[in-house]
């Protein structure tokens, strides 16, 4: 199992607003059956850490290319995402292997 985290660097003052958009995109992905339930978190500058960041994080059993044959990004995701396009300065994706007991290195 994997943890996938998409990170968005947004314009100052836009973190909470973009987090709302990211939450809607994740709800649309989940409703379409393409993703597990995601967590959205952000820092608009009121707490320590990287400011003006929005994080979208979910789990997946396998890592699949978004360009795989037959994959169709729901139009509803595209529509919601377009609402915040001008707020985003940069974005990237991170992948992590989720530790579970079956992967334990006991020796």
C-alpha atoms as a PDB file:
ATOM      1  CA  UNK A   1       0.000   0.000   0.000  1.00  0.00           C
ATOM      2  CA  UNK A   2       1.170   3.522  -0.791  1.00  0.00           C
ATOM      3  CA  UNK A   3       0.569   7.017   0.481  1.00  0.00           C
ATOM      4  CA  UNK A   4       0.332   9.599  -2.286  1.00  0.00           C
ATOM      5  CA  UNK A   5       0.618  13.255  -1.424  1.00  0.00           C
ATOM      6  CA  UNK A   6       0.059  16.117  -3.836  1.00  0.00           C
ATOM      7  CA  UNK A   7       1.534  19.406  -2.606  1.00  0.00           C
ATOM      8  CA  UNK A   8       0.376  22.792  -3.856  1.00  0.00           C
ATOM      9  CA  UNK A   9       2.281  26.005  -3.260  1.00  0.00           C
ATOM     10  CA  UNK A  10      -0.327  28.741  -3.489  1.00  0.00           C
ATOM     11  CA  UNK A  11      -0.304  32.521  -3.585  1.00  0.00           C
ATOM     12  CA  UNK A  12      -0.230  34.265  -0.194  1.00  0.00           C
ATOM     13  CA  UNK A  13      -3.637  34.317   1.450  1.00  0.00           C
ATOM     14  CA  UNK A  14      -5.033  31.544  -0.783  1.00  0.00           C
ATOM     15  CA  UNK A  15      -4.272  28.387   1.242  1.00  0.00           C
ATOM     16  CA  UNK A  16      -7.653  28.026   2.915  1.00  0.00           C
ATOM     17  CA  UNK A  17      -9.544  28.879  -0.252  1.00  0.00           C
ATOM     18  CA  UNK A  18      -7.507  26.397  -2.321  1.00  0.00           C
ATOM     19  CA  UNK A  19      -7.864  23.727   0.387  1.00  0.00           C
ATOM     20  CA  UNK A  20     -11.626  24.032  -0.077  1.00  0.00           C
ATOM     21  CA  UNK A  21     -11.198  23.453  -3.826  1.00  0.00           C
ATOM     22  CA  UNK A  22      -8.832  20.515  -3.211  1.00  0.00           C
ATOM     23  CA  UNK A  23     -11.393  18.967  -0.875  1.00  0.00           C
ATOM     24  CA  UNK A  24     -14.058  19.225  -3.580  1.00  0.00           C
ATOM     25  CA  UNK A  25     -11.720  17.636  -6.159  1.00  0.00           C
ATOM     26  CA  UNK A  26     -11.035  14.734  -3.802  1.00  0.00           C
ATOM     27  CA  UNK A  27     -14.740  14.243  -3.156  1.00  0.00           C
ATOM     28  CA  UNK A  28     -15.305  14.024  -6.925  1.00  0.00           C
ATOM     29  CA  UNK A  29     -12.462  11.517  -7.364  1.00  0.00           C
ATOM     30  CA  UNK A  30     -13.861   9.424  -4.516  1.00  0.00           C
ATOM     31  CA  UNK A  31     -17.410   9.570  -5.915  1.00  0.00           C
ATOM     32  CA  UNK A  32     -16.104   8.336  -9.277  1.00  0.00           C
ATOM     33  CA  UNK A  33     -14.378   5.392  -7.572  1.00  0.00           C
ATOM     34  CA  UNK A  34     -10.900   6.468  -8.693  1.00  0.00           C
ATOM     35  CA  UNK A  35      -9.429   7.278  -5.274  1.00  0.00           C
ATOM     36  CA  UNK A  36      -9.736   6.412  -1.633  1.00  0.00           C
ATOM     37  CA  UNK A  37     -10.863   9.007   0.877  1.00  0.00           C
ATOM     38  CA  UNK A  38      -8.318  11.816   1.019  1.00  0.00           C
ATOM     39  CA  UNK A  39      -7.153  14.152   3.734  1.00  0.00           C
ATOM     40  CA  UNK A  40      -6.640  17.810   2.931  1.00  0.00           C
ATOM     41  CA  UNK A  41      -4.493  19.982   5.148  1.00  0.00           C
ATOM     42  CA  UNK A  42      -3.011  23.424   4.744  1.00  0.00           C
ATOM     43  CA  UNK A  43      -0.922  26.162   6.290  1.00  0.00           C
ATOM     44  CA  UNK A  44      -1.968  29.702   5.543  1.00  0.00           C
ATOM     45  CA  UNK A  45       0.732  31.117   7.809  1.00  0.00           C
ATOM     46  CA  UNK A  46      -0.988  30.854  11.187  1.00  0.00           C
ATOM     47  CA  UNK A  47       1.121  27.901  12.350  1.00  0.00           C
ATOM     48  CA  UNK A  48       4.826  27.004  12.089  1.00  0.00           C
ATOM     49  CA  UNK A  49       5.996  25.295   8.922  1.00  0.00           C
ATOM     50  CA  UNK A  50       5.877  25.971   5.214  1.00  0.00           C
ATOM     51  CA  UNK A  51       3.394  28.758   4.558  1.00  0.00           C
ATOM     52  CA  UNK A  52       0.966  28.912   1.668  1.00  0.00           C
ATOM     53  CA  UNK A  53       0.878  25.154   1.184  1.00  0.00           C
ATOM     54  CA  UNK A  54      -2.047  22.819   0.618  1.00  0.00           C
ATOM     55  CA  UNK A  55      -1.636  19.052   0.883  1.00  0.00           C
ATOM     56  CA  UNK A  56      -3.904  16.405  -0.613  1.00  0.00           C
ATOM     57  CA  UNK A  57      -3.109  12.896   0.668  1.00  0.00           C
ATOM     58  CA  UNK A  58      -4.671   9.500  -0.049  1.00  0.00           C
ATOM     59  CA  UNK A  59      -3.719   5.819  -0.148  1.00  0.00           C
ATOM     60  CA  UNK A  60      -3.603   3.396  -3.050  1.00  0.00           C
ATOM     61  CA  UNK A  61      -2.874  -0.314  -3.398  1.00  0.00           C
ATOM     62  CA  UNK A  62      -0.788   0.268  -6.532  1.00  0.00           C
ATOM     63  CA  UNK A  63       0.890   3.222  -8.212  1.00  0.00           C
ATOM     64  CA  UNK A  64      -0.804   3.852 -11.553  1.00  0.00           C
ATOM     65  CA  UNK A  65       0.087   6.369 -14.215  1.00  0.00           C
ATOM     66  CA  UNK A  66      -2.606   8.996 -14.790  1.00  0.00           C
ATOM     67  CA  UNK A  67      -1.842   8.473 -18.493  1.00  0.00           C
ATOM     68  CA  UNK A  68      -2.699   4.761 -18.388  1.00  0.00           C
ATOM     69  CA  UNK A  69      -4.938   3.440 -21.117  1.00  0.00           C
ATOM     70  CA  UNK A  70      -8.607   3.842 -20.309  1.00  0.00           C
ATOM     71  CA  UNK A  71      -8.134   6.315 -17.464  1.00  0.00           C
ATOM     72  CA  UNK A  72     -10.584   9.169 -17.686  1.00  0.00           C
ATOM     73  CA  UNK A  73     -10.301  12.071 -15.259  1.00  0.00           C
ATOM     74  CA  UNK A  74     -13.870  12.994 -14.347  1.00  0.00           C
ATOM     75  CA  UNK A  75     -15.030  16.271 -15.901  1.00  0.00           C
ATOM     76  CA  UNK A  76     -16.289  17.336 -12.472  1.00  0.00           C
ATOM     77  CA  UNK A  77     -12.702  17.158 -11.159  1.00  0.00           C
ATOM     78  CA  UNK A  78     -11.472  19.267 -14.079  1.00  0.00           C
ATOM     79  CA  UNK A  79     -14.239  21.816 -13.509  1.00  0.00           C
ATOM     80  CA  UNK A  80     -13.548  22.181  -9.781  1.00  0.00           C
ATOM     81  CA  UNK A  81      -9.786  22.292 -10.351  1.00  0.00           C
ATOM     82  CA  UNK A  82     -10.153  25.097 -12.888  1.00  0.00           C
ATOM     83  CA  UNK A  83     -11.633  27.294 -10.153  1.00  0.00           C
ATOM     84  CA  UNK A  84      -8.276  27.432  -8.365  1.00  0.00           C
ATOM     85  CA  UNK A  85      -5.797  27.247 -11.214  1.00  0.00           C
ATOM     86  CA  UNK A  86      -4.780  30.912 -10.837  1.00  0.00           C
ATOM     87  CA  UNK A  87      -4.081  30.429  -7.121  1.00  0.00           C
ATOM     88  CA  UNK A  88      -1.369  27.788  -7.641  1.00  0.00           C
ATOM     89  CA  UNK A  89       2.288  28.811  -7.993  1.00  0.00           C
ATOM     90  CA  UNK A  90       3.703  25.273  -8.136  1.00  0.00           C
ATOM     91  CA  UNK A  91       2.691  21.697  -7.366  1.00  0.00           C
ATOM     92  CA  UNK A  92       4.319  18.307  -7.128  1.00  0.00           C
ATOM     93  CA  UNK A  93       3.513  14.790  -6.059  1.00  0.00           C
ATOM     94  CA  UNK A  94       5.224  12.586  -3.476  1.00  0.00           C
ATOM     95  CA  UNK A  95       4.976   8.816  -3.030  1.00  0.00           C
ATOM     96  CA  UNK A  96       5.609   6.788   0.116  1.00  0.00           C
ATOM     97  CA  UNK A  97       5.321   3.114   0.917  1.00  0.00           C
ATOM     98  CA  UNK A  98       2.960   2.647   3.835  1.00  0.00           C
ATOM     99  CA  UNK A  99       4.377   0.542   6.659  1.00  0.00           C
ATOM    100  CA  UNK A 100       2.136  -2.343   7.622  1.00  0.00           C
ATOM    101  CA  UNK A 101       2.900  -5.406   9.778  1.00  0.00           C
ATOM    102  CA  UNK A 102       3.290  -7.660   6.714  1.00  0.00           C
ATOM    103  CA  UNK A 103       6.259  -5.533   5.576  1.00  0.00           C
ATOM    104  CA  UNK A 104       7.964  -5.616   8.936  1.00  0.00           C
ATOM    105  CA  UNK A 105      11.672  -6.406   8.987  1.00  0.00           C
ATOM    106  CA  UNK A 106      11.921  -8.549  12.062  1.00  0.00           C
ATOM    107  CA  UNK A 107      15.298  -9.948  11.378  1.00  0.00           C
END
